[in-house]
N, C-alpha and C. Protein backbone atom coordinates (compact mmCIF):
# COMPACT_ATOMS: atom_id res chain seq x y z
N MET A 1 63.34 95.44 89.48
CA MET A 1 64.27 96.45 88.95
C MET A 1 65.57 96.40 89.77
N SER A 2 66.24 96.82 88.84
CA SER A 2 67.89 96.77 88.66
C SER A 2 68.33 98.03 89.83
N LYS A 3 68.98 97.77 90.28
CA LYS A 3 69.78 99.00 90.83
C LYS A 3 70.86 99.87 89.95
N LYS A 4 70.68 101.16 90.66
CA LYS A 4 71.56 101.64 89.47
C LYS A 4 72.87 101.87 90.30
N THR A 5 74.19 101.68 89.60
CA THR A 5 75.45 101.49 89.80
C THR A 5 76.30 102.68 89.46
N HIS A 6 77.44 102.86 89.89
CA HIS A 6 78.60 103.61 89.59
C HIS A 6 79.82 102.90 89.84
N HIS A 7 80.88 103.01 89.29
CA HIS A 7 81.87 102.15 89.21
C HIS A 7 83.38 103.22 89.09
N VAL A 8 84.26 103.09 89.80
CA VAL A 8 85.68 103.16 89.76
C VAL A 8 86.67 102.30 89.21
N VAL A 9 86.85 102.59 87.92
CA VAL A 9 87.74 101.43 87.15
C VAL A 9 88.92 101.86 86.66
N PRO A 10 90.06 101.14 86.49
CA PRO A 10 91.01 101.72 85.84
C PRO A 10 90.99 101.68 84.21
N ALA A 11 91.69 103.01 83.75
CA ALA A 11 91.45 103.03 82.40
C ALA A 11 92.44 102.36 81.56
N GLN A 12 92.05 101.88 80.56
CA GLN A 12 93.07 100.98 79.67
C GLN A 12 94.44 101.76 79.47
N ASN A 13 94.33 103.39 79.39
CA ASN A 13 95.66 104.01 79.04
C ASN A 13 95.97 104.64 79.81
N GLY A 14 96.04 104.53 80.86
CA GLY A 14 96.21 105.17 82.50
C GLY A 14 95.10 105.95 82.94
N GLY A 15 95.41 106.25 84.39
CA GLY A 15 94.18 106.84 84.91
C GLY A 15 93.07 106.12 85.14
N TRP A 16 91.99 106.72 85.71
CA TRP A 16 90.87 106.19 86.30
C TRP A 16 89.82 106.97 85.27
N ASN A 17 88.74 105.94 85.23
CA ASN A 17 87.53 106.27 84.56
C ASN A 17 86.04 105.98 86.15
N ILE A 18 85.36 106.72 85.54
CA ILE A 18 83.94 106.75 86.69
C ILE A 18 83.11 106.38 85.24
N LYS A 19 82.48 105.08 85.52
CA LYS A 19 81.42 104.51 84.61
C LYS A 19 80.02 104.21 85.31
N LYS A 20 79.06 104.18 84.48
CA LYS A 20 77.85 103.91 85.01
C LYS A 20 77.90 102.02 84.98
N GLY A 21 77.19 101.33 85.92
CA GLY A 21 77.10 99.61 85.65
C GLY A 21 76.45 99.49 84.45
N GLY A 22 76.96 98.67 83.88
CA GLY A 22 76.69 98.27 82.22
C GLY A 22 77.06 98.99 81.24
N GLY A 23 77.88 100.08 81.55
CA GLY A 23 77.89 101.26 80.74
C GLY A 23 79.35 100.79 79.97
N GLU A 24 79.60 101.19 78.81
CA GLU A 24 80.80 100.96 77.97
C GLU A 24 81.47 102.40 78.10
N ARG A 25 81.01 103.31 77.97
CA ARG A 25 81.70 104.67 78.02
C ARG A 25 81.83 105.45 79.31
N ALA A 26 83.02 105.79 79.48
CA ALA A 26 83.17 106.73 81.08
C ALA A 26 82.71 107.96 81.02
N ILE A 27 81.95 108.26 81.95
CA ILE A 27 81.17 109.49 82.75
C ILE A 27 82.29 110.77 82.32
N LEU A 28 83.19 110.06 83.19
CA LEU A 28 84.71 110.91 83.82
C LEU A 28 85.94 110.22 83.70
N HIS A 29 86.98 110.94 83.37
CA HIS A 29 88.37 110.38 83.22
C HIS A 29 88.91 111.28 84.45
N THR A 30 89.60 110.58 84.87
CA THR A 30 90.59 111.45 86.33
C THR A 30 92.07 110.94 86.22
N GLN A 31 93.06 111.47 86.25
CA GLN A 31 94.48 110.91 86.53
C GLN A 31 94.65 110.21 87.79
N THR A 32 94.14 110.59 89.12
CA THR A 32 94.19 109.64 90.31
C THR A 32 92.85 108.93 90.54
N LYS A 33 93.32 108.13 91.40
CA LYS A 33 92.19 107.32 91.73
C LYS A 33 91.77 108.05 92.75
N LYS A 34 92.39 108.77 93.66
CA LYS A 34 91.65 109.51 94.60
C LYS A 34 90.42 110.43 94.27
N GLU A 35 91.15 111.17 93.32
CA GLU A 35 89.96 111.95 92.27
C GLU A 35 88.78 111.43 91.53
N ALA A 36 89.28 110.20 91.37
CA ALA A 36 87.79 109.56 90.68
C ALA A 36 87.11 108.94 91.75
N ILE A 37 87.41 108.59 92.88
CA ILE A 37 86.55 108.22 94.14
C ILE A 37 85.83 109.26 94.60
N ASP A 38 86.22 110.51 94.75
CA ASP A 38 85.92 111.57 95.36
C ASP A 38 84.81 112.07 94.55
N LYS A 39 85.11 112.07 92.94
CA LYS A 39 84.02 112.87 91.92
C LYS A 39 82.92 111.86 91.98
N GLY A 40 83.15 110.27 92.04
CA GLY A 40 82.37 109.15 91.63
C GLY A 40 81.07 109.45 93.05
N ARG A 41 82.10 109.39 94.06
CA ARG A 41 80.84 109.23 95.38
C ARG A 41 80.06 110.24 95.34
N GLU A 42 80.75 111.60 94.51
CA GLU A 42 79.59 112.87 94.53
C GLU A 42 78.22 112.66 93.64
N ILE A 43 78.78 112.09 92.60
CA ILE A 43 77.99 111.73 91.51
C ILE A 43 77.06 110.51 92.12
N SER A 44 77.22 109.47 92.95
CA SER A 44 76.22 108.59 93.37
C SER A 44 75.58 108.99 94.50
N LYS A 45 76.17 110.02 95.13
CA LYS A 45 75.10 110.34 96.35
C LYS A 45 74.26 111.20 95.59
N ASN A 46 74.47 112.01 94.22
CA ASN A 46 73.57 112.66 93.86
C ASN A 46 72.01 112.24 93.10
N GLN A 47 72.93 110.80 92.42
CA GLN A 47 71.73 109.67 91.79
C GLN A 47 71.22 108.81 92.38
N HIS A 48 71.73 108.73 94.08
CA HIS A 48 71.21 107.59 94.91
C HIS A 48 71.68 106.27 94.51
N SER A 49 72.72 105.90 93.68
CA SER A 49 72.98 104.75 93.29
C SER A 49 74.07 103.87 94.50
N GLU A 50 74.19 102.84 93.99
CA GLU A 50 75.64 101.73 94.59
C GLU A 50 77.02 102.36 93.69
N PHE A 51 77.97 102.45 94.91
CA PHE A 51 78.98 102.90 94.61
C PHE A 51 80.27 101.88 94.82
N TYR A 52 81.02 101.23 93.54
CA TYR A 52 82.04 100.58 93.64
C TYR A 52 83.09 101.14 93.28
N ILE A 53 84.11 100.90 94.03
CA ILE A 53 85.63 101.04 94.00
C ILE A 53 86.39 99.77 93.40
N HIS A 54 87.19 99.76 92.37
CA HIS A 54 88.01 98.32 92.15
C HIS A 54 89.12 98.68 91.96
N ASN A 55 89.91 98.04 92.16
CA ASN A 55 91.62 98.01 92.28
C ASN A 55 91.82 97.90 90.85
N LEU A 56 93.36 97.99 90.38
CA LEU A 56 94.11 97.77 89.34
C LEU A 56 93.54 96.53 88.75
N ASN A 57 93.70 95.34 89.49
CA ASN A 57 93.05 94.42 88.45
C ASN A 57 91.90 94.07 88.27
N GLY A 58 90.83 95.06 88.73
CA GLY A 58 89.61 94.95 88.47
C GLY A 58 88.48 94.41 89.66
N GLN A 59 88.95 93.74 90.36
CA GLN A 59 88.72 93.33 91.66
C GLN A 59 87.97 94.54 92.46
N ILE A 60 86.65 94.29 93.00
CA ILE A 60 85.89 95.32 93.60
C ILE A 60 86.83 95.44 95.07
N SER A 61 87.44 96.42 95.39
CA SER A 61 87.74 96.73 96.59
C SER A 61 87.07 97.35 97.90
N GLN A 62 85.84 98.12 97.40
CA GLN A 62 85.41 98.99 98.36
C GLN A 62 83.87 98.98 97.84
N LYS A 63 82.77 99.26 98.64
CA LYS A 63 81.58 99.90 98.00
C LYS A 63 80.93 100.55 99.00
N ASP A 64 79.80 101.89 98.45
CA ASP A 64 79.21 102.12 99.27
C ASP A 64 77.87 102.56 98.78
N SER A 65 76.72 102.49 99.76
CA SER A 65 75.45 102.67 99.44
C SER A 65 74.87 104.06 99.49
N HIS A 66 74.12 104.59 98.55
CA HIS A 66 73.51 105.76 98.51
C HIS A 66 72.51 105.89 97.78
N GLY A 67 71.90 104.50 97.74
CA GLY A 67 70.69 104.36 97.45
C GLY A 67 69.68 104.13 98.45
N ASN A 68 69.03 102.95 98.05
CA ASN A 68 67.65 102.71 98.59
C ASN A 68 68.42 102.15 100.48
N ASP A 69 68.89 102.33 101.12
CA ASP A 69 69.12 101.58 102.35
C ASP A 69 67.98 100.92 103.31
N LYS A 70 67.97 100.23 103.09
CA LYS A 70 66.91 99.28 104.16
C LYS A 70 67.28 99.61 105.63
N TYR A 71 68.35 99.95 105.90
CA TYR A 71 68.22 100.40 107.57
C TYR A 71 68.83 102.14 107.71
N PRO A 72 68.12 103.04 107.27
CA PRO A 72 68.63 104.29 107.34
C PRO A 72 69.10 104.73 109.12
N PRO A 73 69.87 105.51 109.04
CA PRO A 73 69.86 106.13 110.23
C PRO A 73 68.87 107.03 111.16
N LYS A 74 68.73 107.06 112.16
CA LYS A 74 67.51 107.59 112.51
C LYS A 74 68.01 108.89 112.73
N GLY A 75 66.93 109.66 112.72
CA GLY A 75 67.40 111.17 113.18
C GLY A 75 67.72 111.90 112.03
């Protein structure tokens, strides 16, 4: 079973896009990276997915897991 993922990536014409892993089209476009991260993290939490944040060069700079955590916190 493949993991669900969401990515914050730079848009070709400026701004930032939130995309589903493997998806061609953006779910959402924002003007700032911070806005994209905030909205993307919210989407990822709701969808229980892995969340990847990319730099301007496309390299992954950060990731969060909102999916099936093997070691969830107690309590």
